Amino acid sequence: MKAITIPAFGGADVLRLDEVKVPEPGPGQVSIDVAYAGANFAEILYRQGLADVPLPFVPGIEVSGHVRALGPGVEGLRAGQPVAALTIVDGGGYAEVAVTAADLVAPLDGLGLELDVAAALPSNSTTAFLVLDRVARIEPGESVLVHAAAGGVGSQLGQAARLLGAGRVVGTVGGPAKVEAARAFGYDEVVLRAAASGRFDVVVDMVGGATRRDSLDLLAPMGRLVVMGNASGAGDVGMPANELWLTNKTVSGFNAAAFAATFPETAGQALRRAVNAAASGDLRVQIDRLPLTQAAEAHRRIESGGTTGKLVLEVRR
């Protein structure tokens, strides 16, 4: 089958279209004929060698398509069924066939979701619900601040916060050109990152660096900062434990791959929640499509910081 591989760590140009062996599902797994694969910042980290993956490696943490085959012990799914799936644990989504745990697959039967839209849901939308519900443990009426509000995850966090009963929801962006794009994703207010002010019950930071330290200052007493990325590429930021103690603040981390590997059933429940929210119109996803052969271009766009919404790669219709 055709797949995009990472033969060596480096820039976007290292991505290569190769012929690789078709994977077969093992016990508790499902193989999927991939229609679309989401493009994410996580795959850039794999390509840069910042995540521990064996080379050559097929990236791709989410897909949509049709069930190809069921591994031993899998029930509740059938061959030919349209699905969205997280392939985040072992990667492999940038390919004509991908394999993942059956727990990380969401049926699409009768929902009316197009496969290109469905491919944009497993990573970002699922993460949004998990971060706010399971990690931040948001309560009705609480205030939320989301950094990088116009990006793939940011575009979902504001909407998920609304669905989970948040009160005031504010987003930050890196430049003026992204303000209007982010505002369309459920935010009461969108400001430039350096202009963020006030006190919030929940802050979600995917940027890192100075933004991470500033986020701690923006927390209200009993506020929770969720760390889930480092798009700035800045060095690690220490969190002063004594300050947390004296100000009644909390810092938590969330890594979607580690969570899905450890708690696949919970991740799958959040995926199905996201799929149903998108199908009902409660969750809006903005997508741009590129062919699989332009995976390197998708990476360049994401790395430039100029994207809004989500890029999906068309593998086959």
C-alpha atoms as a PDB file:
ATOM      1  CA  MET A   1       0.000   0.000   0.000  1.00  0.00           C
ATOM      2  CA  LYS A   2       0.987   3.639  -0.321  1.00  0.00           C
ATOM      3  CA  ALA A   3       2.005   5.527   2.799  1.00  0.00           C
ATOM      4  CA  ILE A   4       3.885   8.644   3.810  1.00  0.00           C
ATOM      5  CA  THR A   5       6.945   7.677   5.836  1.00  0.00           C
ATOM      6  CA  ILE A   6       9.540   9.440   7.947  1.00  0.00           C
ATOM      7  CA  PRO A   7      12.780   7.738   6.822  1.00  0.00           C
ATOM      8  CA  ALA A   8      14.976  10.158   8.790  1.00  0.00           C
ATOM      9  CA  PHE A   9      14.325  12.965  11.249  1.00  0.00           C
ATOM     10  CA  GLY A  10      14.362  16.491   9.874  1.00  0.00           C
ATOM     11  CA  GLY A  11      12.351  19.125   8.067  1.00  0.00           C
ATOM     12  CA  ALA A  12       9.168  18.645   6.079  1.00  0.00           C
ATOM     13  CA  ASP A  13      11.162  17.596   3.016  1.00  0.00           C
ATOM     14  CA  VAL A  14      12.118  14.260   4.631  1.00  0.00           C
ATOM     15  CA  LEU A  15       8.539  12.995   4.255  1.00  0.00           C
ATOM     16  CA  ARG A  16       8.412  10.402   1.478  1.00  0.00           C
ATOM     17  CA  LEU A  17       5.650   8.532  -0.356  1.00  0.00           C
ATOM     18  CA  ASP A  18       6.549   4.838  -0.109  1.00  0.00           C
ATOM     19  CA  GLU A  19       5.147   1.376  -0.702  1.00  0.00           C
ATOM     20  CA  VAL A  20       4.849  -0.439   2.618  1.00  0.00           C
ATOM     21  CA  LYS A  21       3.333  -3.662   3.877  1.00  0.00           C
ATOM     22  CA  VAL A  22      -0.397  -3.633   4.639  1.00  0.00           C
ATOM     23  CA  PRO A  23      -0.861  -3.965   8.434  1.00  0.00           C
ATOM     24  CA  GLU A  24      -3.128  -6.647   9.844  1.00  0.00           C
ATOM     25  CA  PRO A  25      -5.217  -6.222  13.014  1.00  0.00           C
ATOM     26  CA  GLY A  26      -4.250  -8.172  16.098  1.00  0.00           C
ATOM     27  CA  PRO A  27      -6.469  -9.127  19.039  1.00  0.00           C
ATOM     28  CA  GLY A  28      -8.787  -6.276  19.978  1.00  0.00           C
ATOM     29  CA  GLN A  29      -7.763  -4.267  16.904  1.00  0.00           C
ATOM     30  CA  VAL A  30      -9.409  -3.060  13.706  1.00  0.00           C
ATOM     31  CA  SER A  31      -7.903  -2.252  10.314  1.00  0.00           C
ATOM     32  CA  ILE A  32      -9.367   0.679   8.380  1.00  0.00           C
ATOM     33  CA  ASP A  33      -9.322   1.554   4.677  1.00  0.00           C
ATOM     34  CA  VAL A  34      -8.376   5.197   5.152  1.00  0.00           C
ATOM     35  CA  ALA A  35     -10.281   7.901   3.294  1.00  0.00           C
ATOM     36  CA  TYR A  36      -8.823  10.941   5.093  1.00  0.00           C
ATOM     37  CA  ALA A  37      -6.112  11.495   7.686  1.00  0.00           C
ATOM     38  CA  GLY A  38      -5.918  14.523   9.945  1.00  0.00           C
ATOM     39  CA  ALA A  39      -2.699  16.575   9.915  1.00  0.00           C
ATOM     40  CA  ASN A  40      -1.524  17.646  13.361  1.00  0.00           C
ATOM     41  CA  PHE A  41       1.330  19.333  15.192  1.00  0.00           C
ATOM     42  CA  ALA A  42       2.033  16.003  16.913  1.00  0.00           C
ATOM     43  CA  GLU A  43       3.154  14.514  13.602  1.00  0.00           C
ATOM     44  CA  ILE A  44       5.656  17.333  13.211  1.00  0.00           C
ATOM     45  CA  LEU A  45       7.159  16.393  16.567  1.00  0.00           C
ATOM     46  CA  TYR A  46       7.523  12.798  15.319  1.00  0.00           C
ATOM     47  CA  ARG A  47       9.183  14.038  12.140  1.00  0.00           C
ATOM     48  CA  GLN A  48      11.579  16.264  14.068  1.00  0.00           C
ATOM     49  CA  GLY A  49      12.656  13.393  16.297  1.00  0.00           C
ATOM     50  CA  LEU A  50      11.174  14.932  19.443  1.00  0.00           C
ATOM     51  CA  ALA A  51       9.100  11.801  20.059  1.00  0.00           C
ATOM     52  CA  ASP A  52      10.585   8.342  20.396  1.00  0.00           C
ATOM     53  CA  VAL A  53       9.487   6.478  17.267  1.00  0.00           C
ATOM     54  CA  PRO A  54      11.277   3.802  15.223  1.00  0.00           C
ATOM     55  CA  LEU A  55      12.363   4.687  11.685  1.00  0.00           C
ATOM     56  CA  PRO A  56      11.052   4.438   9.088  1.00  0.00           C
ATOM     57  CA  PHE A  57       7.803   5.569  10.704  1.00  0.00           C
ATOM     58  CA  VAL A  58       4.345   6.159   9.243  1.00  0.00           C
ATOM     59  CA  PRO A  59       2.865   9.195  11.056  1.00  0.00           C
ATOM     60  CA  GLY A  60      -0.813   9.994  11.420  1.00  0.00           C
ATOM     61  CA  ILE A  61      -2.784  10.078  14.678  1.00  0.00           C
ATOM     62  CA  GLU A  62      -6.370  10.146  13.332  1.00  0.00           C
ATOM     63  CA  VAL A  63      -8.298   8.881  10.328  1.00  0.00           C
ATOM     64  CA  SER A  64     -11.695   8.338   8.812  1.00  0.00           C
ATOM     65  CA  GLY A  65     -12.687   5.592   6.409  1.00  0.00           C
ATOM     66  CA  HIS A  66     -14.279   2.155   6.401  1.00  0.00           C
ATOM     67  CA  VAL A  67     -13.573  -0.900   8.527  1.00  0.00           C
ATOM     68  CA  ARG A  68     -11.430  -3.298   6.533  1.00  0.00           C
ATOM     69  CA  ALA A  69     -11.053  -6.223   8.951  1.00  0.00           C
ATOM     70  CA  LEU A  70     -11.628  -7.104  12.594  1.00  0.00           C
ATOM     71  CA  GLY A  71      -9.034  -8.703  14.824  1.00  0.00           C
ATOM     72  CA  PRO A  72      -9.865 -11.556  17.221  1.00  0.00           C
ATOM     73  CA  GLY A  73     -12.264 -10.611  19.993  1.00  0.00           C
ATOM     74  CA  VAL A  74     -13.658  -7.447  18.404  1.00  0.00           C
ATOM     75  CA  GLU A  75     -17.408  -6.997  18.633  1.00  0.00           C
ATOM     76  CA  GLY A  76     -19.794  -4.176  17.750  1.00  0.00           C
ATOM     77  CA  LEU A  77     -18.087  -3.245  14.479  1.00  0.00           C
ATOM     78  CA  ARG A  78     -18.344  -4.751  11.003  1.00  0.00           C
ATOM     79  CA  ALA A  79     -16.421  -4.774   7.735  1.00  0.00           C
ATOM     80  CA  GLY A  80     -17.367  -1.889   5.458  1.00  0.00           C
ATOM     81  CA  GLN A  81     -18.693   0.270   8.294  1.00  0.00           C
ATOM     82  CA  PRO A  82     -17.860   4.014   8.087  1.00  0.00           C
ATOM     83  CA  VAL A  83     -15.801   5.114  11.080  1.00  0.00           C
ATOM     84  CA  ALA A  84     -13.599   7.774  12.603  1.00  0.00           C
ATOM     85  CA  ALA A  85     -10.648   6.564  14.638  1.00  0.00           C
ATOM     86  CA  LEU A  86      -7.713   7.594  16.785  1.00  0.00           C
ATOM     87  CA  THR A  87      -4.480   6.043  15.539  1.00  0.00           C
ATOM     88  CA  ILE A  88      -2.478   8.081  18.031  1.00  0.00           C
ATOM     89  CA  VAL A  89      -0.984   5.233  20.063  1.00  0.00           C
ATOM     90  CA  ASP A  90       1.127   3.722  17.274  1.00  0.00           C
ATOM     91  CA  GLY A  91       0.609   6.192  14.416  1.00  0.00           C
ATOM     92  CA  GLY A  92       0.088   4.919  10.879  1.00  0.00           C
ATOM     93  CA  GLY A  93      -2.700   7.230   9.698  1.00  0.00           C
ATOM     94  CA  TYR A  94      -0.882   8.649   6.650  1.00  0.00           C
ATOM     95  CA  ALA A  95      -1.511   5.435   4.738  1.00  0.00           C
ATOM     96  CA  GLU A  96      -4.108   3.591   2.700  1.00  0.00           C
ATOM     97  CA  VAL A  97      -4.693   1.166   5.595  1.00  0.00           C
ATOM     98  CA  ALA A  98      -4.312   1.881   9.309  1.00  0.00           C
ATOM     99  CA  VAL A  99      -4.693  -0.300  12.409  1.00  0.00           C
ATOM    100  CA  THR A 100      -5.849   0.779  15.854  1.00  0.00           C
ATOM    101  CA  ALA A 101      -7.543  -0.528  18.986  1.00  0.00           C
ATOM    102  CA  ALA A 102     -11.267  -1.153  18.537  1.00  0.00           C
ATOM    103  CA  ASP A 103     -11.903   0.995  21.636  1.00  0.00           C
ATOM    104  CA  LEU A 104     -10.554   3.996  19.712  1.00  0.00           C
ATOM    105  CA  VAL A 105     -13.013   3.646  16.815  1.00  0.00           C
ATOM    106  CA  ALA A 106     -16.310   5.530  16.501  1.00  0.00           C
ATOM    107  CA  PRO A 107     -19.018   4.306  14.070  1.00  0.00           C
ATOM    108  CA  LEU A 108     -20.480   6.939  11.751  1.00  0.00           C
ATOM    109  CA  ASP A 109     -23.552   5.021  10.544  1.00  0.00           C
ATOM    110  CA  GLY A 110     -26.554   7.267  10.004  1.00  0.00           C
ATOM    111  CA  LEU A 111     -24.920  10.396  11.418  1.00  0.00           C
ATOM    112  CA  GLY A 112     -24.677  12.271   8.136  1.00  0.00           C
ATOM    113  CA  LEU A 113     -21.031  13.244   8.691  1.00  0.00           C
ATOM    114  CA  GLU A 114     -18.834  13.489   5.613  1.00  0.00           C
ATOM    115  CA  LEU A 115     -15.599  11.520   5.945  1.00  0.00           C
ATOM    116  CA  ASP A 116     -13.388  14.581   5.495  1.00  0.00           C
ATOM    117  CA  VAL A 117     -15.058  16.277   8.463  1.00  0.00           C
ATOM    118  CA  ALA A 118     -14.980  13.060  10.482  1.00  0.00           C
ATOM    119  CA  ALA A 119     -11.197  12.839  10.036  1.00  0.00           C
ATOM    120  CA  ALA A 120     -10.807  16.181  11.831  1.00  0.00           C
ATOM    121  CA  LEU A 121     -12.572  15.011  15.006  1.00  0.00           C
ATOM    122  CA  PRO A 122     -10.632  12.154  16.669  1.00  0.00           C
ATOM    123  CA  SER A 123      -7.611  14.134  17.857  1.00  0.00           C
ATOM    124  CA  ASN A 124      -8.620  17.755  18.459  1.00  0.00           C
ATOM    125  CA  SER A 125     -12.291  17.416  19.370  1.00  0.00           C
ATOM    126  CA  THR A 126     -11.741  14.367  21.559  1.00  0.00           C
ATOM    127  CA  THR A 127      -8.843  16.135  23.280  1.00  0.00           C
ATOM    128  CA  ALA A 128     -11.001  19.200  23.935  1.00  0.00           C
ATOM    129  CA  PHE A 129     -13.596  17.185  25.831  1.00  0.00           C
ATOM    130  CA  LEU A 130     -10.994  15.182  27.765  1.00  0.00           C
ATOM    131  CA  VAL A 131      -8.954  18.238  28.763  1.00  0.00           C
ATOM    132  CA  LEU A 132     -11.911  20.232  30.037  1.00  0.00           C
ATOM    133  CA  ASP A 133     -13.993  17.427  31.508  1.00  0.00           C
ATOM    134  CA  ARG A 134     -11.470  14.904  32.845  1.00  0.00           C
ATOM    135  CA  VAL A 135      -8.386  17.052  33.543  1.00  0.00           C
ATOM    136  CA  ALA A 136      -9.630  20.580  34.328  1.00  0.00           C
ATOM    137  CA  ARG A 137     -12.901  19.182  35.727  1.00  0.00           C
ATOM    138  CA  ILE A 138     -14.762  22.269  34.616  1.00  0.00           C
ATOM    139  CA  GLU A 139     -17.831  23.322  36.585  1.00  0.00           C
ATOM    140  CA  PRO A 140     -20.902  25.131  35.178  1.00  0.00           C
ATOM    141  CA  GLY A 141     -20.391  28.891  34.985  1.00  0.00           C
ATOM    142  CA  GLU A 142     -16.589  28.817  35.283  1.00  0.00           C
ATOM    143  CA  SER A 143     -14.393  31.062  33.157  1.00  0.00           C
ATOM    144  CA  VAL A 144     -11.980  29.585  30.617  1.00  0.00           C
ATOM    145  CA  LEU A 145      -8.964  31.002  28.752  1.00  0.00           C
ATOM    146  CA  VAL A 146      -7.561  29.104  25.755  1.00  0.00           C
ATOM    147  CA  HIS A 147      -4.258  30.019  24.130  1.00  0.00           C
ATOM    148  CA  ALA A 148      -3.834  29.401  20.358  1.00  0.00           C
ATOM    149  CA  ALA A 149      -7.603  29.668  19.975  1.00  0.00           C
ATOM    150  CA  ALA A 150      -7.614  29.649  16.164  1.00  0.00           C
ATOM    151  CA  GLY A 151      -5.670  26.409  15.758  1.00  0.00           C
ATOM    152  CA  GLY A 152      -6.953  22.868  15.433  1.00  0.00           C
ATOM    153  CA  VAL A 153      -7.358  22.117  19.147  1.00  0.00           C
ATOM    154  CA  GLY A 154      -8.104  25.720  20.056  1.00  0.00           C
ATOM    155  CA  SER A 155     -10.992  25.840  17.602  1.00  0.00           C
ATOM    156  CA  GLN A 156     -12.581  22.944  19.491  1.00  0.00           C
ATOM    157  CA  LEU A 157     -11.784  23.929  23.076  1.00  0.00           C
ATOM    158  CA  GLY A 158     -13.929  27.053  23.038  1.00  0.00           C
ATOM    159  CA  GLN A 159     -16.907  25.154  21.707  1.00  0.00           C
ATOM    160  CA  ALA A 160     -16.420  22.214  24.082  1.00  0.00           C
ATOM    161  CA  ALA A 161     -16.228  24.638  27.002  1.00  0.00           C
ATOM    162  CA  ARG A 162     -19.621  26.011  25.979  1.00  0.00           C
ATOM    163  CA  LEU A 163     -21.126  22.531  25.704  1.00  0.00           C
ATOM    164  CA  LEU A 164     -19.789  21.680  29.172  1.00  0.00           C
ATOM    165  CA  GLY A 165     -21.463  24.727  30.728  1.00  0.00           C
ATOM    166  CA  ALA A 166     -18.650  27.286  30.950  1.00  0.00           C
ATOM    167  CA  GLY A 167     -19.514  30.908  31.594  1.00  0.00           C
ATOM    168  CA  ARG A 168     -17.037  33.355  30.055  1.00  0.00           C
ATOM    169  CA  VAL A 169     -14.797  31.804  27.374  1.00  0.00           C
ATOM    170  CA  VAL A 170     -11.829  33.832  26.087  1.00  0.00           C
ATOM    171  CA  GLY A 171      -9.251  32.888  23.454  1.00  0.00           C
ATOM    172  CA  THR A 172      -5.845  34.293  22.633  1.00  0.00           C
ATOM    173  CA  VAL A 173      -4.082  34.341  19.258  1.00  0.00           C
ATOM    174  CA  GLY A 174      -0.603  35.252  18.090  1.00  0.00           C
ATOM    175  CA  GLY A 175      -1.567  37.950  15.583  1.00  0.00           C
ATOM    176  CA  PRO A 176      -4.425  40.241  14.491  1.00  0.00           C
ATOM    177  CA  ALA A 177      -5.173  38.185  11.373  1.00  0.00           C
ATOM    178  CA  LYS A 178      -6.444  35.309  13.502  1.00  0.00           C
ATOM    179  CA  VAL A 179      -8.811  37.239  15.760  1.00  0.00           C
ATOM    180  CA  GLU A 180     -11.916  36.945  13.586  1.00  0.00           C
ATOM    181  CA  ALA A 181     -11.214  33.314  12.685  1.00  0.00           C
ATOM    182  CA  ALA A 182     -11.012  32.352  16.357  1.00  0.00           C
ATOM    183  CA  ARG A 183     -14.092  34.341  17.339  1.00  0.00           C
ATOM    184  CA  ALA A 184     -16.208  32.073  15.117  1.00  0.00           C
ATOM    185  CA  PHE A 185     -15.394  29.085  17.353  1.00  0.00           C
ATOM    186  CA  GLY A 186     -17.483  29.903  20.414  1.00  0.00           C
ATOM    187  CA  TYR A 187     -15.351  32.517  22.176  1.00  0.00           C
ATOM    188  CA  ASP A 188     -16.905  35.513  23.914  1.00  0.00           C
ATOM    189  CA  GLU A 189     -13.733  37.455  23.297  1.00  0.00           C
ATOM    190  CA  VAL A 190     -10.487  36.924  21.379  1.00  0.00           C
ATOM    191  CA  VAL A 191      -7.382  38.967  22.227  1.00  0.00           C
ATOM    192  CA  LEU A 192      -3.727  38.997  21.290  1.00  0.00           C
ATOM    193  CA  ARG A 193      -1.752  36.695  23.540  1.00  0.00           C
ATOM    194  CA  ALA A 194       0.251  39.501  25.143  1.00  0.00           C
ATOM    195  CA  ALA A 195      -2.966  41.354  25.990  1.00  0.00           C
ATOM    196  CA  ALA A 196      -4.598  38.568  28.017  1.00  0.00           C
ATOM    197  CA  SER A 197      -5.755  39.841  31.399  1.00  0.00           C
ATOM    198  CA  GLY A 198      -8.184  39.061  34.191  1.00  0.00           C
ATOM    199  CA  ARG A 199      -8.620  35.919  36.282  1.00  0.00           C
ATOM    200  CA  PHE A 200      -9.781  32.540  34.991  1.00  0.00           C
ATOM    201  CA  ASP A 201     -10.847  29.281  36.589  1.00  0.00           C
ATOM    202  CA  VAL A 202      -9.295  27.248  33.763  1.00  0.00           C
ATOM    203  CA  VAL A 203      -6.416  28.136  31.416  1.00  0.00           C
ATOM    204  CA  VAL A 204      -5.338  25.772  28.616  1.00  0.00           C
ATOM    205  CA  ASP A 205      -1.844  26.355  27.235  1.00  0.00           C
ATOM    206  CA  MET A 206      -0.452  24.789  24.075  1.00  0.00           C
ATOM    207  CA  VAL A 207       2.130  27.531  23.462  1.00  0.00           C
ATOM    208  CA  GLY A 208       4.699  27.193  26.244  1.00  0.00           C
ATOM    209  CA  GLY A 209       7.549  29.543  27.063  1.00  0.00           C
ATOM    210  CA  ALA A 210       6.607  32.919  28.520  1.00  0.00           C
ATOM    211  CA  THR A 211       2.923  32.205  27.849  1.00  0.00           C
ATOM    212  CA  ARG A 212       3.056  29.278  30.279  1.00  0.00           C
ATOM    213  CA  ARG A 213       4.397  31.387  33.131  1.00  0.00           C
ATOM    214  CA  ASP A 214       1.952  34.205  32.343  1.00  0.00           C
ATOM    215  CA  SER A 215      -0.878  31.660  32.405  1.00  0.00           C
ATOM    216  CA  LEU A 216      -0.167  30.846  36.023  1.00  0.00           C
ATOM    217  CA  ASP A 217      -0.597  34.525  36.895  1.00  0.00           C
ATOM    218  CA  LEU A 218      -3.968  34.566  35.120  1.00  0.00           C
ATOM    219  CA  LEU A 219      -5.432  31.833  37.322  1.00  0.00           C
ATOM    220  CA  ALA A 220      -8.028  32.684  39.936  1.00  0.00           C
ATOM    221  CA  PRO A 221      -7.726  31.051  43.371  1.00  0.00           C
ATOM    222  CA  MET A 222      -8.510  27.331  42.931  1.00  0.00           C
ATOM    223  CA  GLY A 223      -7.804  27.788  39.216  1.00  0.00           C
ATOM    224  CA  ARG A 224      -6.358  25.017  37.037  1.00  0.00           C
ATOM    225  CA  LEU A 225      -3.733  25.396  34.321  1.00  0.00           C
ATOM    226  CA  VAL A 226      -3.649  22.519  31.821  1.00  0.00           C
ATOM    227  CA  VAL A 227      -0.375  22.140  29.912  1.00  0.00           C
ATOM    228  CA  MET A 228      -0.807  20.258  26.638  1.00  0.00           C
ATOM    229  CA  GLY A 229       1.766  21.413  24.132  1.00  0.00           C
ATOM    230  CA  ASN A 230       4.798  23.583  23.394  1.00  0.00           C
ATOM    231  CA  ALA A 231       4.138  25.130  19.993  1.00  0.00           C
ATOM    232  CA  SER A 232       6.622  27.924  20.684  1.00  0.00           C
ATOM    233  CA  GLY A 233       9.466  25.422  20.910  1.00  0.00           C
ATOM    234  CA  ALA A 234      10.728  27.274  23.987  1.00  0.00           C
ATOM    235  CA  GLY A 235      12.631  25.599  26.781  1.00  0.00           C
ATOM    236  CA  ASP A 236      10.812  24.064  29.711  1.00  0.00           C
ATOM    237  CA  VAL A 237       9.267  26.416  32.260  1.00  0.00           C
ATOM    238  CA  GLY A 238       9.512  25.551  35.930  1.00  0.00           C
ATOM    239  CA  MET A 239       6.374  25.814  38.026  1.00  0.00           C
ATOM    240  CA  PRO A 240       7.025  27.076  41.585  1.00  0.00           C
ATOM    241  CA  ALA A 241       5.492  24.565  43.976  1.00  0.00           C
ATOM    242  CA  ASN A 242       5.448  26.990  46.890  1.00  0.00           C
ATOM    243  CA  GLU A 243       3.509  29.507  44.821  1.00  0.00           C
ATOM    244  CA  LEU A 244       0.946  26.855  43.938  1.00  0.00           C
ATOM    245  CA  TRP A 245       0.633  26.013  47.613  1.00  0.00           C
ATOM    246  CA  LEU A 246       0.242  29.615  48.762  1.00  0.00           C
ATOM    247  CA  THR A 247      -2.197  30.674  46.029  1.00  0.00           C
ATOM    248  CA  ASN A 248      -4.355  27.533  45.808  1.00  0.00           C
ATOM    249  CA  LYS A 249      -3.608  26.896  42.134  1.00  0.00           C
ATOM    250  CA  THR A 250      -3.120  23.650  40.195  1.00  0.00           C
ATOM    251  CA  VAL A 251      -1.034  22.726  37.142  1.00  0.00           C
ATOM    252  CA  SER A 252      -1.881  19.534  35.228  1.00  0.00           C
ATOM    253  CA  GLY A 253      -0.537  17.964  32.065  1.00  0.00           C
ATOM    254  CA  PHE A 254      -2.350  16.178  29.265  1.00  0.00           C
ATOM    255  CA  ASN A 255      -0.786  14.050  26.548  1.00  0.00           C
ATOM    256  CA  ALA A 256      -3.359  12.502  24.217  1.00  0.00           C
ATOM    257  CA  ALA A 257      -1.171   9.601  23.072  1.00  0.00           C
ATOM    258  CA  ALA A 258      -0.275   8.533  26.605  1.00  0.00           C
ATOM    259  CA  PHE A 259      -3.892   8.905  27.726  1.00  0.00           C
ATOM    260  CA  ALA A 260      -5.276   6.856  24.831  1.00  0.00           C
ATOM    261  CA  ALA A 261      -2.704   4.118  25.430  1.00  0.00           C
ATOM    262  CA  THR A 262      -3.523   3.904  29.130  1.00  0.00           C
ATOM    263  CA  PHE A 263      -7.256   4.611  29.058  1.00  0.00           C
ATOM    264  CA  PRO A 264      -8.468   3.566  25.577  1.00  0.00           C
ATOM    265  CA  GLU A 265     -12.077   3.024  26.642  1.00  0.00           C
ATOM    266  CA  THR A 266     -12.346   6.520  28.140  1.00  0.00           C
ATOM    267  CA  ALA A 267     -10.674   8.065  25.086  1.00  0.00           C
ATOM    268  CA  GLY A 268     -13.098   6.180  22.853  1.00  0.00           C
ATOM    269  CA  GLN A 269     -16.080   7.469  24.822  1.00  0.00           C
ATOM    270  CA  ALA A 270     -14.824  11.035  24.357  1.00  0.00           C
ATOM    271  CA  LEU A 271     -14.337  10.374  20.630  1.00  0.00           C
ATOM    272  CA  ARG A 272     -17.920   9.194  20.257  1.00  0.00           C
ATOM    273  CA  ARG A 273     -19.092  12.217  22.224  1.00  0.00           C
ATOM    274  CA  ALA A 274     -17.217  14.490  19.806  1.00  0.00           C
ATOM    275  CA  VAL A 275     -18.586  12.684  16.744  1.00  0.00           C
ATOM    276  CA  ASN A 276     -22.156  13.000  17.999  1.00  0.00           C
ATOM    277  CA  ALA A 277     -21.671  16.682  18.838  1.00  0.00           C
ATOM    278  CA  ALA A 278     -20.394  17.382  15.337  1.00  0.00           C
ATOM    279  CA  ALA A 279     -23.225  15.396  13.761  1.00  0.00           C
ATOM    280  CA  SER A 280     -25.839  17.344  15.745  1.00  0.00           C
ATOM    281  CA  GLY A 281     -24.319  20.676  14.765  1.00  0.00           C
ATOM    282  CA  ASP A 282     -23.215  21.513  18.314  1.00  0.00           C
ATOM    283  CA  LEU A 283     -19.542  21.307  17.322  1.00  0.00           C
ATOM    284  CA  ARG A 284     -18.254  23.144  14.245  1.00  0.00           C
ATOM    285  CA  VAL A 285     -15.146  21.971  12.418  1.00  0.00           C
ATOM    286  CA  GLN A 286     -13.440  24.053   9.739  1.00  0.00           C
ATOM    287  CA  ILE A 287     -11.306  21.975   7.373  1.00  0.00           C
ATOM    288  CA  ASP A 288      -8.971  22.463   4.443  1.00  0.00           C
ATOM    289  CA  ARG A 289      -8.068  19.475   2.263  1.00  0.00           C
ATOM    290  CA  LEU A 290      -4.797  18.480   0.646  1.00  0.00           C
ATOM    291  CA  PRO A 291      -3.907  15.216  -1.140  1.00  0.00           C
ATOM    292  CA  LEU A 292      -1.770  12.744   0.801  1.00  0.00           C
ATOM    293  CA  THR A 293       1.098  13.448  -1.587  1.00  0.00           C
ATOM    294  CA  GLN A 294       1.219  17.010  -0.180  1.00  0.00           C
ATOM    295  CA  ALA A 295       1.783  15.942   3.421  1.00  0.00           C
ATOM    296  CA  ALA A 296       4.998  17.980   3.501  1.00  0.00           C
ATOM    297  CA  GLU A 297       3.058  21.106   2.509  1.00  0.00           C
ATOM    298  CA  ALA A 298       0.555  20.411   5.290  1.00  0.00           C
ATOM    299  CA  HIS A 299       3.439  20.255   7.764  1.00  0.00           C
ATOM    300  CA  ARG A 300       4.908  23.513   6.483  1.00  0.00           C
ATOM    301  CA  ARG A 301       1.577  25.295   6.896  1.00  0.00           C
ATOM    302  CA  ILE A 302       1.133  24.024  10.441  1.00  0.00           C
ATOM    303  CA  GLU A 303       4.713  24.920  11.392  1.00  0.00           C
ATOM    304  CA  SER A 304       4.298  28.434   9.995  1.00  0.00           C
ATOM    305  CA  GLY A 305       1.568  29.123  12.546  1.00  0.00           C
ATOM    306  CA  GLY A 306      -0.641  30.537   9.815  1.00  0.00           C
ATOM    307  CA  THR A 307      -3.338  27.866   9.766  1.00  0.00           C
ATOM    308  CA  THR A 308      -6.809  28.162  11.252  1.00  0.00           C
ATOM    309  CA  GLY A 309      -9.081  25.193  11.850  1.00  0.00           C
ATOM    310  CA  LYS A 310      -7.870  21.828  10.589  1.00  0.00           C
ATOM    311  CA  LEU A 311      -5.958  20.359   7.638  1.00  0.00           C
ATOM    312  CA  VAL A 312      -6.933  16.890   6.441  1.00  0.00           C
ATOM    313  CA  LEU A 313      -5.119  14.749   3.888  1.00  0.00           C
ATOM    314  CA  GLU A 314      -7.178  12.958   1.247  1.00  0.00           C
ATOM    315  CA  VAL A 315      -5.906   9.403   1.008  1.00  0.00           C
ATOM    316  CA  ARG A 316      -8.730   8.021  -1.125  1.00  0.00           C
ATOM    317  CA  ARG A 317     -12.434   8.767  -1.432  1.00  0.00           C
END
